[in-house]
Amino acid sequence: MKRAATLKDIAEQLGIAHTTVSRALSGHPRISATTKEQVQAMAQRLGYVPNVGARAMRNGADRLVGLVVPDMRNEFYSGVATALGHRCTEAGYRLLFGISDDDPSVEELHVRTLRESRCSAVLLTPSVAPTAQTKAWLGQTPVVQLLRFDPSLGRRHVSVDDEDGLFRATRHLLDLGHTDIAYIGGPLTISTGRHRLEGYERALRQRGLRSQAALRRLGPPQADFGEEALGSLLDAGRRVTAVTVASVRQMLGVLRAVRQRGLSVPETLSLVCYGDAEWFEFADPAITAVSLPVAAMVGQAADTLFTLLSEGRGARAARAAPLFTGELKVRGSTAPPR
């Protein structure tokens, strides 16, 4: 893992005093425009970011951990933020977090802010395609990835067995007698999207059924997409008696479409979701779901982060975290097909 670039590194590369570098970066009027341009170019090349929290860090006033996730409206990520915040408080750290909206450019801005604040470590659910600059900055900081995994960001990650979770969700529908099972899930450009679809397809294969492109809808894990996806499945005229939905946010949209079209669950359409929201239990009918072990996953991620901070960045680089599994909770939204 690379050391964070400093003013002295820039000065050594250019053969000038580090005080000149500092003044050039701050726009000092006595520094020539040419020198300022050279310093800025070298700072960008080395991945230098200004240490806005240096004084506080020297005095021991700030110990920071960063969290970057795609969407705080998702109950999984809000649960992560709450649990990690408690762990940070217990360990004497403060938590800074950013919401990427799965936009690599927004993710880069948040990572830059965390680097400028000199966060000690970062817990990250990476976007679909992190930028080169994001990768460079995170290469200078202890990072643990959560749920999703991008090998270009390092080997430390805490994940759940998405394939197994979707396999069990789909097998539950098959066990009830469903064969016309649609799938609404995330894009294949992210690891979770690929693994969840693989679980759905594996369950079908074990029963001698073929996964049909016409019964699959892949898109962002958002309510609007879930609503649109179920609508398009129904409008296509294909027989669908059950739907496996790969995220809580997509399920919210699916339920909107169910209500708008006057469908009866589970009498005409059975629904099972990967991910379990608190309100699922109180829906009418209650939603069958695979519940993810949020507390255990955050505990493992926090343990990894704080171990890195206490023992050094390379201390546990090769030690793999356990792959967590979800728990199927059968409720009222699934029943045998008519």
C-alpha atoms as a PDB file:
ATOM      1  CA  MET A   1       0.000   0.000   0.000  1.00  0.00           C
ATOM      2  CA  LYS A   2       1.445   3.363  -1.006  1.00  0.00           C
ATOM      3  CA  ARG A   3       2.291   6.068   1.520  1.00  0.00           C
ATOM      4  CA  ALA A   4       0.303   9.296   1.161  1.00  0.00           C
ATOM      5  CA  ALA A   5       2.206  11.942  -0.803  1.00  0.00           C
ATOM      6  CA  THR A   6       3.477  14.940   1.180  1.00  0.00           C
ATOM      7  CA  LEU A   7       4.726  18.457   0.472  1.00  0.00           C
ATOM      8  CA  LYS A   8       8.281  17.173   0.868  1.00  0.00           C
ATOM      9  CA  ASP A   9       7.703  14.563  -1.840  1.00  0.00           C
ATOM     10  CA  ILE A  10       6.625  17.284  -4.261  1.00  0.00           C
ATOM     11  CA  ALA A  11       9.575  19.443  -3.270  1.00  0.00           C
ATOM     12  CA  GLU A  12      12.066  16.617  -3.805  1.00  0.00           C
ATOM     13  CA  GLN A  13      10.635  15.829  -7.239  1.00  0.00           C
ATOM     14  CA  LEU A  14      10.928  19.466  -8.324  1.00  0.00           C
ATOM     15  CA  GLY A  15      14.174  20.272  -6.497  1.00  0.00           C
ATOM     16  CA  ILE A  16      12.696  23.191  -4.544  1.00  0.00           C
ATOM     17  CA  ALA A  17      12.020  23.954  -0.879  1.00  0.00           C
ATOM     18  CA  HIS A  18       8.916  22.451   0.691  1.00  0.00           C
ATOM     19  CA  THR A  19       7.973  25.931   1.944  1.00  0.00           C
ATOM     20  CA  THR A  20       7.876  27.055  -1.691  1.00  0.00           C
ATOM     21  CA  VAL A  21       5.579  24.146  -2.501  1.00  0.00           C
ATOM     22  CA  SER A  22       3.282  25.086   0.375  1.00  0.00           C
ATOM     23  CA  ARG A  23       3.099  28.701  -0.747  1.00  0.00           C
ATOM     24  CA  ALA A  24       2.525  27.717  -4.382  1.00  0.00           C
ATOM     25  CA  LEU A  25      -0.409  25.492  -3.442  1.00  0.00           C
ATOM     26  CA  SER A  26      -1.925  28.228  -1.285  1.00  0.00           C
ATOM     27  CA  GLY A  27      -1.629  30.797  -4.100  1.00  0.00           C
ATOM     28  CA  HIS A  28       0.979  33.014  -2.455  1.00  0.00           C
ATOM     29  CA  PRO A  29       1.455  36.200  -4.542  1.00  0.00           C
ATOM     30  CA  ARG A  30       5.268  36.031  -4.379  1.00  0.00           C
ATOM     31  CA  ILE A  31       5.391  32.642  -6.127  1.00  0.00           C
ATOM     32  CA  SER A  32       5.583  32.830  -9.917  1.00  0.00           C
ATOM     33  CA  ALA A  33       2.813  31.478 -12.122  1.00  0.00           C
ATOM     34  CA  THR A  34       5.255  29.011 -13.692  1.00  0.00           C
ATOM     35  CA  THR A  35       6.245  27.551 -10.325  1.00  0.00           C
ATOM     36  CA  LYS A  36       2.611  27.309  -9.274  1.00  0.00           C
ATOM     37  CA  GLU A  37       1.762  25.372 -12.448  1.00  0.00           C
ATOM     38  CA  GLN A  38       4.707  23.002 -11.936  1.00  0.00           C
ATOM     39  CA  VAL A  39       3.765  22.377  -8.318  1.00  0.00           C
ATOM     40  CA  GLN A  40       0.090  21.787  -9.159  1.00  0.00           C
ATOM     41  CA  ALA A  41       1.036  19.353 -11.929  1.00  0.00           C
ATOM     42  CA  MET A  42       3.380  17.382  -9.655  1.00  0.00           C
ATOM     43  CA  ALA A  43       0.803  17.335  -6.838  1.00  0.00           C
ATOM     44  CA  GLN A  44      -1.754  15.821  -9.207  1.00  0.00           C
ATOM     45  CA  ARG A  45       0.757  13.316 -10.517  1.00  0.00           C
ATOM     46  CA  LEU A  46       1.645  12.123  -7.000  1.00  0.00           C
ATOM     47  CA  GLY A  47      -1.971  12.076  -5.829  1.00  0.00           C
ATOM     48  CA  TYR A  48      -1.353  14.708  -3.159  1.00  0.00           C
ATOM     49  CA  VAL A  49      -4.338  16.171  -1.312  1.00  0.00           C
ATOM     50  CA  PRO A  50      -4.098  19.053   1.188  1.00  0.00           C
ATOM     51  CA  ASN A  51      -3.992  18.010   4.826  1.00  0.00           C
ATOM     52  CA  VAL A  52      -6.802  20.208   6.145  1.00  0.00           C
ATOM     53  CA  GLY A  53      -6.946  18.229   9.385  1.00  0.00           C
ATOM     54  CA  ALA A  54      -3.228  18.102  10.059  1.00  0.00           C
ATOM     55  CA  ARG A  55      -3.208  20.350  13.113  1.00  0.00           C
ATOM     56  CA  ALA A  56      -6.080  18.500  14.764  1.00  0.00           C
ATOM     57  CA  MET A  57      -4.450  15.153  14.039  1.00  0.00           C
ATOM     58  CA  ARG A  58      -1.080  16.289  15.471  1.00  0.00           C
ATOM     59  CA  ASN A  59      -2.822  17.322  18.672  1.00  0.00           C
ATOM     60  CA  GLY A  60      -4.705  14.012  18.863  1.00  0.00           C
ATOM     61  CA  ALA A  61      -8.026  15.846  18.622  1.00  0.00           C
ATOM     62  CA  ASP A  62      -9.414  13.881  15.664  1.00  0.00           C
ATOM     63  CA  ARG A  63      -9.454  10.194  14.799  1.00  0.00           C
ATOM     64  CA  LEU A  64     -11.670   9.579  11.808  1.00  0.00           C
ATOM     65  CA  VAL A  65     -13.092   6.572   9.956  1.00  0.00           C
ATOM     66  CA  GLY A  66     -14.842   7.043   6.606  1.00  0.00           C
ATOM     67  CA  LEU A  67     -17.907   5.245   5.240  1.00  0.00           C
ATOM     68  CA  VAL A  68     -19.070   5.541   1.612  1.00  0.00           C
ATOM     69  CA  VAL A  69     -22.235   3.687   0.518  1.00  0.00           C
ATOM     70  CA  PRO A  70     -24.549   3.942  -2.506  1.00  0.00           C
ATOM     71  CA  ASP A  71     -27.847   4.804  -0.809  1.00  0.00           C
ATOM     72  CA  MET A  72     -28.831   5.613   2.782  1.00  0.00           C
ATOM     73  CA  ARG A  73     -32.510   4.992   1.965  1.00  0.00           C
ATOM     74  CA  ASN A  74     -31.639   1.317   1.762  1.00  0.00           C
ATOM     75  CA  GLU A  75     -32.195  -0.145   5.233  1.00  0.00           C
ATOM     76  CA  PHE A  76     -29.109  -2.322   4.925  1.00  0.00           C
ATOM     77  CA  TYR A  77     -26.842   0.698   4.542  1.00  0.00           C
ATOM     78  CA  SER A  78     -28.618   2.777   7.185  1.00  0.00           C
ATOM     79  CA  GLY A  79     -28.159  -0.182   9.527  1.00  0.00           C
ATOM     80  CA  VAL A  80     -24.482  -0.326   8.588  1.00  0.00           C
ATOM     81  CA  ALA A  81     -24.008   3.383   9.339  1.00  0.00           C
ATOM     82  CA  THR A  82     -25.702   3.076  12.733  1.00  0.00           C
ATOM     83  CA  ALA A  83     -23.755  -0.014  13.792  1.00  0.00           C
ATOM     84  CA  LEU A  84     -20.416   1.329  12.559  1.00  0.00           C
ATOM     85  CA  GLY A  85     -21.061   4.661  14.280  1.00  0.00           C
ATOM     86  CA  HIS A  86     -21.486   2.856  17.598  1.00  0.00           C
ATOM     87  CA  ARG A  87     -18.290   0.866  17.069  1.00  0.00           C
ATOM     88  CA  CYS A  88     -16.339   4.007  16.202  1.00  0.00           C
ATOM     89  CA  THR A  89     -17.566   5.770  19.328  1.00  0.00           C
ATOM     90  CA  GLU A  90     -16.518   2.818  21.485  1.00  0.00           C
ATOM     91  CA  ALA A  91     -13.061   2.836  19.893  1.00  0.00           C
ATOM     92  CA  GLY A  92     -12.581   6.590  20.203  1.00  0.00           C
ATOM     93  CA  TYR A  93     -13.087   7.426  16.532  1.00  0.00           C
ATOM     94  CA  ARG A  94     -15.536   9.681  14.712  1.00  0.00           C
ATOM     95  CA  LEU A  95     -17.431   8.518  11.629  1.00  0.00           C
ATOM     96  CA  LEU A  96     -17.611  10.528   8.401  1.00  0.00           C
ATOM     97  CA  PHE A  97     -19.812   9.204   5.630  1.00  0.00           C
ATOM     98  CA  GLY A  98     -20.755   9.966   2.061  1.00  0.00           C
ATOM     99  CA  ILE A  99     -23.481   8.743  -0.297  1.00  0.00           C
ATOM    100  CA  SER A 100     -22.246   7.897  -3.790  1.00  0.00           C
ATOM    101  CA  ASP A 101     -25.632   7.233  -5.492  1.00  0.00           C
ATOM    102  CA  ASP A 102     -23.624   4.599  -7.407  1.00  0.00           C
ATOM    103  CA  ASP A 103     -22.076   7.459  -9.395  1.00  0.00           C
ATOM    104  CA  PRO A 104     -18.269   7.037  -9.752  1.00  0.00           C
ATOM    105  CA  SER A 105     -17.709  10.813  -9.985  1.00  0.00           C
ATOM    106  CA  VAL A 106     -19.688  11.443  -6.795  1.00  0.00           C
ATOM    107  CA  GLU A 107     -17.833   8.585  -5.133  1.00  0.00           C
ATOM    108  CA  GLU A 108     -14.542  10.249  -6.105  1.00  0.00           C
ATOM    109  CA  LEU A 109     -15.612  13.520  -4.470  1.00  0.00           C
ATOM    110  CA  HIS A 110     -16.424  11.746  -1.205  1.00  0.00           C
ATOM    111  CA  VAL A 111     -13.154   9.815  -1.238  1.00  0.00           C
ATOM    112  CA  ARG A 112     -11.279  13.064  -1.835  1.00  0.00           C
ATOM    113  CA  THR A 113     -13.018  14.651   1.156  1.00  0.00           C
ATOM    114  CA  LEU A 114     -12.081  11.674   3.325  1.00  0.00           C
ATOM    115  CA  ARG A 115      -8.464  11.898   2.158  1.00  0.00           C
ATOM    116  CA  GLU A 116      -8.365  15.650   2.848  1.00  0.00           C
ATOM    117  CA  SER A 117      -9.724  14.980   6.327  1.00  0.00           C
ATOM    118  CA  ARG A 118      -6.991  12.367   6.783  1.00  0.00           C
ATOM    119  CA  CYS A 119      -9.361   9.535   7.647  1.00  0.00           C
ATOM    120  CA  SER A 120      -7.485   6.707   9.301  1.00  0.00           C
ATOM    121  CA  ALA A 121      -9.395   4.039   7.348  1.00  0.00           C
ATOM    122  CA  VAL A 122     -12.372   3.679   4.996  1.00  0.00           C
ATOM    123  CA  LEU A 123     -15.265   1.220   4.801  1.00  0.00           C
ATOM    124  CA  LEU A 124     -16.610   1.307   1.251  1.00  0.00           C
ATOM    125  CA  THR A 125     -19.330  -0.266  -0.860  1.00  0.00           C
ATOM    126  CA  PRO A 126     -17.799   0.507  -4.260  1.00  0.00           C
ATOM    127  CA  SER A 127     -19.719   1.926  -7.190  1.00  0.00           C
ATOM    128  CA  VAL A 128     -20.003   0.131 -10.514  1.00  0.00           C
ATOM    129  CA  ALA A 129     -16.696   1.521 -11.845  1.00  0.00           C
ATOM    130  CA  PRO A 130     -14.519   3.503  -9.397  1.00  0.00           C
ATOM    131  CA  THR A 131     -12.397   6.141 -11.153  1.00  0.00           C
ATOM    132  CA  ALA A 132      -8.623   5.897 -11.482  1.00  0.00           C
ATOM    133  CA  GLN A 133      -8.276   8.790  -9.032  1.00  0.00           C
ATOM    134  CA  THR A 134     -10.495   7.054  -6.473  1.00  0.00           C
ATOM    135  CA  LYS A 135      -8.333   3.941  -6.760  1.00  0.00           C
ATOM    136  CA  ALA A 136      -5.162   5.996  -6.365  1.00  0.00           C
ATOM    137  CA  TRP A 137      -6.390   7.749  -3.215  1.00  0.00           C
ATOM    138  CA  LEU A 138      -7.736   4.557  -1.662  1.00  0.00           C
ATOM    139  CA  GLY A 139      -4.418   2.888  -2.433  1.00  0.00           C
ATOM    140  CA  GLN A 140      -2.901   5.176   0.207  1.00  0.00           C
ATOM    141  CA  THR A 141      -5.467   4.346   2.910  1.00  0.00           C
ATOM    142  CA  PRO A 142      -6.509   1.152   4.735  1.00  0.00           C
ATOM    143  CA  VAL A 143      -9.743   0.080   2.998  1.00  0.00           C
ATOM    144  CA  VAL A 144     -12.292  -2.644   3.706  1.00  0.00           C
ATOM    145  CA  GLN A 145     -14.999  -3.286   1.092  1.00  0.00           C
ATOM    146  CA  LEU A 146     -18.498  -4.188   2.238  1.00  0.00           C
ATOM    147  CA  LEU A 147     -21.058  -6.320   0.387  1.00  0.00           C
ATOM    148  CA  ARG A 148     -19.650  -5.599  -3.088  1.00  0.00           C
ATOM    149  CA  PHE A 149     -16.102  -6.441  -4.099  1.00  0.00           C
ATOM    150  CA  ASP A 150     -13.794  -4.784  -6.635  1.00  0.00           C
ATOM    151  CA  PRO A 151     -10.353  -6.479  -6.712  1.00  0.00           C
ATOM    152  CA  SER A 152      -8.700  -3.272  -7.936  1.00  0.00           C
ATOM    153  CA  LEU A 153      -9.416  -1.731  -4.512  1.00  0.00           C
ATOM    154  CA  GLY A 154      -7.618  -4.421  -2.515  1.00  0.00           C
ATOM    155  CA  ARG A 155      -8.338  -7.835  -1.027  1.00  0.00           C
ATOM    156  CA  ARG A 156      -9.961  -6.946   2.269  1.00  0.00           C
ATOM    157  CA  HIS A 157     -13.706  -7.312   2.072  1.00  0.00           C
ATOM    158  CA  VAL A 158     -16.695  -8.461   4.089  1.00  0.00           C
ATOM    159  CA  SER A 159     -19.411 -10.075   2.002  1.00  0.00           C
ATOM    160  CA  VAL A 160     -22.564 -12.135   2.187  1.00  0.00           C
ATOM    161  CA  ASP A 161     -23.171 -15.187   0.019  1.00  0.00           C
ATOM    162  CA  ASP A 162     -25.513 -13.512  -2.464  1.00  0.00           C
ATOM    163  CA  GLU A 163     -25.704 -16.537  -4.713  1.00  0.00           C
ATOM    164  CA  ASP A 164     -26.809 -18.784  -1.851  1.00  0.00           C
ATOM    165  CA  GLY A 165     -29.384 -16.228  -0.684  1.00  0.00           C
ATOM    166  CA  LEU A 166     -31.046 -15.942  -4.094  1.00  0.00           C
ATOM    167  CA  PHE A 167     -30.811 -19.689  -4.573  1.00  0.00           C
ATOM    168  CA  ARG A 168     -32.772 -20.281  -1.362  1.00  0.00           C
ATOM    169  CA  ALA A 169     -35.295 -17.551  -2.145  1.00  0.00           C
ATOM    170  CA  THR A 170     -35.999 -19.014  -5.582  1.00  0.00           C
ATOM    171  CA  ARG A 171     -35.977 -22.597  -4.316  1.00  0.00           C
ATOM    172  CA  HIS A 172     -38.668 -21.610  -1.800  1.00  0.00           C
ATOM    173  CA  LEU A 173     -40.924 -20.594  -4.696  1.00  0.00           C
ATOM    174  CA  LEU A 174     -40.091 -23.777  -6.585  1.00  0.00           C
ATOM    175  CA  ASP A 175     -40.916 -25.867  -3.520  1.00  0.00           C
ATOM    176  CA  LEU A 176     -44.346 -24.212  -3.441  1.00  0.00           C
ATOM    177  CA  GLY A 177     -44.930 -25.398  -7.010  1.00  0.00           C
ATOM    178  CA  HIS A 178     -44.094 -22.275  -9.013  1.00  0.00           C
ATOM    179  CA  THR A 179     -42.343 -22.725 -12.358  1.00  0.00           C
ATOM    180  CA  ASP A 180     -43.057 -19.353 -14.010  1.00  0.00           C
ATOM    181  CA  ILE A 181     -40.776 -17.296 -11.766  1.00  0.00           C
ATOM    182  CA  ALA A 182     -39.578 -13.882 -12.887  1.00  0.00           C
ATOM    183  CA  TYR A 183     -36.442 -12.171 -11.585  1.00  0.00           C
ATOM    184  CA  ILE A 184     -35.902  -8.472 -10.876  1.00  0.00           C
ATOM    185  CA  GLY A 185     -32.313  -7.672  -9.907  1.00  0.00           C
ATOM    186  CA  GLY A 186     -29.317  -5.397 -10.179  1.00  0.00           C
ATOM    187  CA  PRO A 187     -26.943  -4.822 -13.092  1.00  0.00           C
ATOM    188  CA  LEU A 188     -24.322  -7.422 -13.955  1.00  0.00           C
ATOM    189  CA  THR A 189     -21.592  -4.769 -13.824  1.00  0.00           C
ATOM    190  CA  ILE A 190     -21.422  -5.119 -10.026  1.00  0.00           C
ATOM    191  CA  SER A 191     -20.455  -8.279  -8.162  1.00  0.00           C
ATOM    192  CA  THR A 192     -23.710  -8.488  -6.197  1.00  0.00           C
ATOM    193  CA  GLY A 193     -25.779  -8.275  -9.380  1.00  0.00           C
ATOM    194  CA  ARG A 194     -23.873 -11.146 -10.973  1.00  0.00           C
ATOM    195  CA  HIS A 195     -23.929 -13.401  -7.917  1.00  0.00           C
ATOM    196  CA  ARG A 196     -27.627 -12.893  -7.207  1.00  0.00           C
ATOM    197  CA  LEU A 197     -28.631 -13.753 -10.760  1.00  0.00           C
ATOM    198  CA  GLU A 198     -26.419 -16.854 -10.574  1.00  0.00           C
ATOM    199  CA  GLY A 199     -28.309 -18.004  -7.466  1.00  0.00           C
ATOM    200  CA  TYR A 200     -31.679 -17.588  -9.174  1.00  0.00           C
ATOM    201  CA  GLU A 201     -30.510 -19.457 -12.263  1.00  0.00           C
ATOM    202  CA  ARG A 202     -28.892 -22.259 -10.234  1.00  0.00           C
ATOM    203  CA  ALA A 203     -32.168 -22.934  -8.433  1.00  0.00           C
ATOM    204  CA  LEU A 204     -33.989 -23.203 -11.766  1.00  0.00           C
ATOM    205  CA  ARG A 205     -31.350 -25.520 -13.230  1.00  0.00           C
ATOM    206  CA  GLN A 206     -31.604 -27.900 -10.292  1.00  0.00           C
ATOM    207  CA  ARG A 207     -35.302 -28.342 -11.117  1.00  0.00           C
ATOM    208  CA  GLY A 208     -34.638 -28.811 -14.816  1.00  0.00           C
ATOM    209  CA  LEU A 209     -35.944 -25.350 -15.735  1.00  0.00           C
ATOM    210  CA  ARG A 210     -34.312 -22.893 -18.108  1.00  0.00           C
ATOM    211  CA  SER A 211     -33.677 -19.275 -17.192  1.00  0.00           C
ATOM    212  CA  GLN A 212     -35.540 -17.139 -19.736  1.00  0.00           C
ATOM    213  CA  ALA A 213     -34.354 -13.664 -20.716  1.00  0.00           C
ATOM    214  CA  ALA A 214     -37.998 -12.628 -21.123  1.00  0.00           C
ATOM    215  CA  LEU A 215     -38.564 -13.216 -17.402  1.00  0.00           C
ATOM    216  CA  ARG A 216     -35.531 -11.226 -16.231  1.00  0.00           C
ATOM    217  CA  ARG A 217     -35.305  -7.486 -15.602  1.00  0.00           C
ATOM    218  CA  LEU A 218     -31.935  -6.034 -14.584  1.00  0.00           C
ATOM    219  CA  GLY A 219     -31.370  -2.448 -13.494  1.00  0.00           C
ATOM    220  CA  PRO A 220     -30.465  -0.106 -10.646  1.00  0.00           C
ATOM    221  CA  PRO A 221     -31.498  -1.108  -7.101  1.00  0.00           C
ATOM    222  CA  GLN A 222     -34.112   1.630  -6.906  1.00  0.00           C
ATOM    223  CA  ALA A 223     -37.871   1.675  -6.325  1.00  0.00           C
ATOM    224  CA  ASP A 224     -38.639   3.300  -9.682  1.00  0.00           C
ATOM    225  CA  PHE A 225     -36.889   0.507 -11.526  1.00  0.00           C
ATOM    226  CA  GLY A 226     -38.708  -2.169  -9.522  1.00  0.00           C
ATOM    227  CA  GLU A 227     -42.053  -0.599 -10.406  1.00  0.00           C
ATOM    228  CA  GLU A 228     -41.145  -0.306 -14.082  1.00  0.00           C
ATOM    229  CA  ALA A 229     -39.732  -3.840 -14.196  1.00  0.00           C
ATOM    230  CA  LEU A 230     -42.839  -5.554 -12.850  1.00  0.00           C
ATOM    231  CA  GLY A 231     -45.031  -3.450 -15.126  1.00  0.00           C
ATOM    232  CA  SER A 232     -43.068  -4.471 -18.191  1.00  0.00           C
ATOM    233  CA  LEU A 233     -43.175  -8.143 -17.191  1.00  0.00           C
ATOM    234  CA  LEU A 234     -46.941  -8.028 -16.859  1.00  0.00           C
ATOM    235  CA  ASP A 235     -47.424  -6.004 -20.034  1.00  0.00           C
ATOM    236  CA  ALA A 236     -45.352  -8.498 -22.013  1.00  0.00           C
ATOM    237  CA  GLY A 237     -48.161 -11.021 -21.631  1.00  0.00           C
ATOM    238  CA  ARG A 238     -45.951 -13.795 -20.283  1.00  0.00           C
ATOM    239  CA  ARG A 239     -47.329 -16.059 -17.569  1.00  0.00           C
ATOM    240  CA  VAL A 240     -45.758 -15.074 -14.230  1.00  0.00           C
ATOM    241  CA  THR A 241     -46.940 -16.569 -10.943  1.00  0.00           C
ATOM    242  CA  ALA A 242     -44.044 -15.468  -8.723  1.00  0.00           C
ATOM    243  CA  VAL A 243     -41.204 -12.945  -8.638  1.00  0.00           C
ATOM    244  CA  THR A 244     -37.820 -13.099  -6.938  1.00  0.00           C
ATOM    245  CA  VAL A 245     -36.735  -9.522  -6.176  1.00  0.00           C
ATOM    246  CA  ALA A 246     -33.048  -8.943  -5.463  1.00  0.00           C
ATOM    247  CA  SER A 247     -33.186  -5.786  -3.306  1.00  0.00           C
ATOM    248  CA  VAL A 248     -35.420  -4.035  -0.781  1.00  0.00           C
ATOM    249  CA  ARG A 249     -35.582  -0.814  -2.801  1.00  0.00           C
ATOM    250  CA  GLN A 250     -36.703  -2.718  -5.905  1.00  0.00           C
ATOM    251  CA  MET A 251     -39.323  -4.535  -3.819  1.00  0.00           C
ATOM    252  CA  LEU A 252     -40.787  -1.188  -2.773  1.00  0.00           C
ATOM    253  CA  GLY A 253     -41.372  -0.375  -6.445  1.00  0.00           C
ATOM    254  CA  VAL A 254     -42.756  -3.842  -7.119  1.00  0.00           C
ATOM    255  CA  LEU A 255     -45.341  -3.335  -4.377  1.00  0.00           C
ATOM    256  CA  ARG A 256     -46.327   0.004  -5.921  1.00  0.00           C
ATOM    257  CA  ALA A 257     -46.975  -1.734  -9.235  1.00  0.00           C
ATOM    258  CA  VAL A 258     -48.950  -4.482  -7.476  1.00  0.00           C
ATOM    259  CA  ARG A 259     -51.209  -1.909  -5.835  1.00  0.00           C
ATOM    260  CA  GLN A 260     -51.655   0.169  -8.988  1.00  0.00           C
ATOM    261  CA  ARG A 261     -52.708  -2.893 -11.009  1.00  0.00           C
ATOM    262  CA  GLY A 262     -54.984  -4.285  -8.313  1.00  0.00           C
ATOM    263  CA  LEU A 263     -53.115  -7.571  -8.027  1.00  0.00           C
ATOM    264  CA  SER A 264     -53.646  -9.934  -5.111  1.00  0.00           C
ATOM    265  CA  VAL A 265     -50.570 -11.204  -3.226  1.00  0.00           C
ATOM    266  CA  PRO A 266     -50.044 -14.131  -2.876  1.00  0.00           C
ATOM    267  CA  GLU A 267     -53.244 -15.345  -4.575  1.00  0.00           C
ATOM    268  CA  THR A 268     -52.222 -14.222  -8.073  1.00  0.00           C
ATOM    269  CA  LEU A 269     -48.562 -13.341  -7.527  1.00  0.00           C
ATOM    270  CA  SER A 270     -46.089 -14.594  -4.928  1.00  0.00           C
ATOM    271  CA  LEU A 271     -43.210 -12.296  -3.939  1.00  0.00           C
ATOM    272  CA  VAL A 272     -39.919 -13.013  -2.183  1.00  0.00           C
ATOM    273  CA  CYS A 273     -37.192 -10.441  -1.532  1.00  0.00           C
ATOM    274  CA  TYR A 274     -33.457 -10.625  -0.951  1.00  0.00           C
ATOM    275  CA  GLY A 275     -32.969  -8.285   2.006  1.00  0.00           C
ATOM    276  CA  ASP A 276     -35.369  -7.757   4.874  1.00  0.00           C
ATOM    277  CA  ALA A 277     -36.742  -4.340   5.882  1.00  0.00           C
ATOM    278  CA  GLU A 278     -38.357  -3.767   9.282  1.00  0.00           C
ATOM    279  CA  TRP A 279     -41.642  -2.830   7.649  1.00  0.00           C
ATOM    280  CA  PHE A 280     -41.828  -6.118   5.691  1.00  0.00           C
ATOM    281  CA  GLU A 281     -43.211  -7.772   8.807  1.00  0.00           C
ATOM    282  CA  PHE A 282     -46.089  -5.291   8.960  1.00  0.00           C
ATOM    283  CA  ALA A 283     -46.995  -5.178   5.268  1.00  0.00           C
ATOM    284  CA  ASP A 284     -50.275  -6.751   4.169  1.00  0.00           C
ATOM    285  CA  PRO A 285     -49.392  -9.478   3.531  1.00  0.00           C
ATOM    286  CA  ALA A 286     -46.027  -9.635   5.310  1.00  0.00           C
ATOM    287  CA  ILE A 287     -43.157 -10.084   2.835  1.00  0.00           C
ATOM    288  CA  THR A 288     -41.182 -13.311   2.644  1.00  0.00           C
ATOM    289  CA  ALA A 289     -37.515 -12.314   2.626  1.00  0.00           C
ATOM    290  CA  VAL A 290     -33.918 -13.380   3.080  1.00  0.00           C
ATOM    291  CA  SER A 291     -32.663 -11.461   6.108  1.00  0.00           C
ATOM    292  CA  LEU A 292     -29.011 -10.360   6.010  1.00  0.00           C
ATOM    293  CA  PRO A 293     -26.823 -10.427   9.157  1.00  0.00           C
ATOM    294  CA  VAL A 294     -26.067  -6.692   9.191  1.00  0.00           C
ATOM    295  CA  ALA A 295     -24.747  -6.537  12.762  1.00  0.00           C
ATOM    296  CA  ALA A 296     -22.379  -9.462  12.267  1.00  0.00           C
ATOM    297  CA  MET A 297     -21.084  -8.079   8.958  1.00  0.00           C
ATOM    298  CA  VAL A 298     -20.457  -4.618  10.380  1.00  0.00           C
ATOM    299  CA  GLY A 299     -18.791  -6.187  13.412  1.00  0.00           C
ATOM    300  CA  GLN A 300     -16.410  -8.108  11.164  1.00  0.00           C
ATOM    301  CA  ALA A 301     -15.724  -5.025   9.017  1.00  0.00           C
ATOM    302  CA  ALA A 302     -15.067  -2.871  12.095  1.00  0.00           C
ATOM    303  CA  ASP A 303     -12.782  -5.517  13.610  1.00  0.00           C
ATOM    304  CA  THR A 304     -10.802  -5.605  10.362  1.00  0.00           C
ATOM    305  CA  LEU A 305     -10.546  -1.807  10.199  1.00  0.00           C
ATOM    306  CA  PHE A 306      -9.406  -1.387  13.787  1.00  0.00           C
ATOM    307  CA  THR A 307      -6.960  -4.290  13.501  1.00  0.00           C
ATOM    308  CA  LEU A 308      -5.393  -2.560  10.513  1.00  0.00           C
ATOM    309  CA  LEU A 309      -5.170   0.678  12.483  1.00  0.00           C
ATOM    310  CA  SER A 310      -3.602  -0.933  15.531  1.00  0.00           C
ATOM    311  CA  GLU A 311      -1.266  -3.434  13.860  1.00  0.00           C
ATOM    312  CA  GLY A 312      -0.415  -1.707  10.594  1.00  0.00           C
ATOM    313  CA  ARG A 313      -1.771  -1.722   7.066  1.00  0.00           C
ATOM    314  CA  GLY A 314      -0.237  -5.024   6.016  1.00  0.00           C
ATOM    315  CA  ALA A 315      -1.045  -6.913   9.205  1.00  0.00           C
ATOM    316  CA  ARG A 316      -4.013  -8.943   7.973  1.00  0.00           C
ATOM    317  CA  ALA A 317      -3.951  -8.334   4.226  1.00  0.00           C
ATOM    318  CA  ALA A 318      -3.994 -12.016   3.367  1.00  0.00           C
ATOM    319  CA  ARG A 319      -6.534 -13.173   5.959  1.00  0.00           C
ATOM    320  CA  ALA A 320      -9.949 -13.732   4.386  1.00  0.00           C
ATOM    321  CA  ALA A 321     -13.087 -12.608   6.216  1.00  0.00           C
ATOM    322  CA  PRO A 322     -15.892 -15.164   6.534  1.00  0.00           C
ATOM    323  CA  LEU A 323     -18.610 -15.215   3.894  1.00  0.00           C
ATOM    324  CA  PHE A 324     -21.854 -14.531   5.728  1.00  0.00           C
ATOM    325  CA  THR A 325     -25.184 -16.144   4.871  1.00  0.00           C
ATOM    326  CA  GLY A 326     -28.731 -14.836   5.079  1.00  0.00           C
ATOM    327  CA  GLU A 327     -31.781 -16.422   6.708  1.00  0.00           C
ATOM    328  CA  LEU A 328     -34.999 -17.119   4.792  1.00  0.00           C
ATOM    329  CA  LYS A 329     -38.019 -15.799   6.696  1.00  0.00           C
ATOM    330  CA  VAL A 330     -41.239 -17.193   5.255  1.00  0.00           C
ATOM    331  CA  ARG A 331     -44.208 -14.857   5.636  1.00  0.00           C
ATOM    332  CA  GLY A 332     -47.512 -14.255   3.904  1.00  0.00           C
ATOM    333  CA  SER A 333     -46.418 -13.038   0.453  1.00  0.00           C
ATOM    334  CA  THR A 334     -45.678 -16.533  -0.869  1.00  0.00           C
ATOM    335  CA  ALA A 335     -48.110 -19.410  -1.474  1.00  0.00           C
ATOM    336  CA  PRO A 336     -48.639 -22.233  -3.993  1.00  0.00           C
ATOM    337  CA  PRO A 337     -49.812 -21.039  -7.442  1.00  0.00           C
ATOM    338  CA  ARG A 338     -53.447 -21.337  -8.303  1.00  0.00           C
END
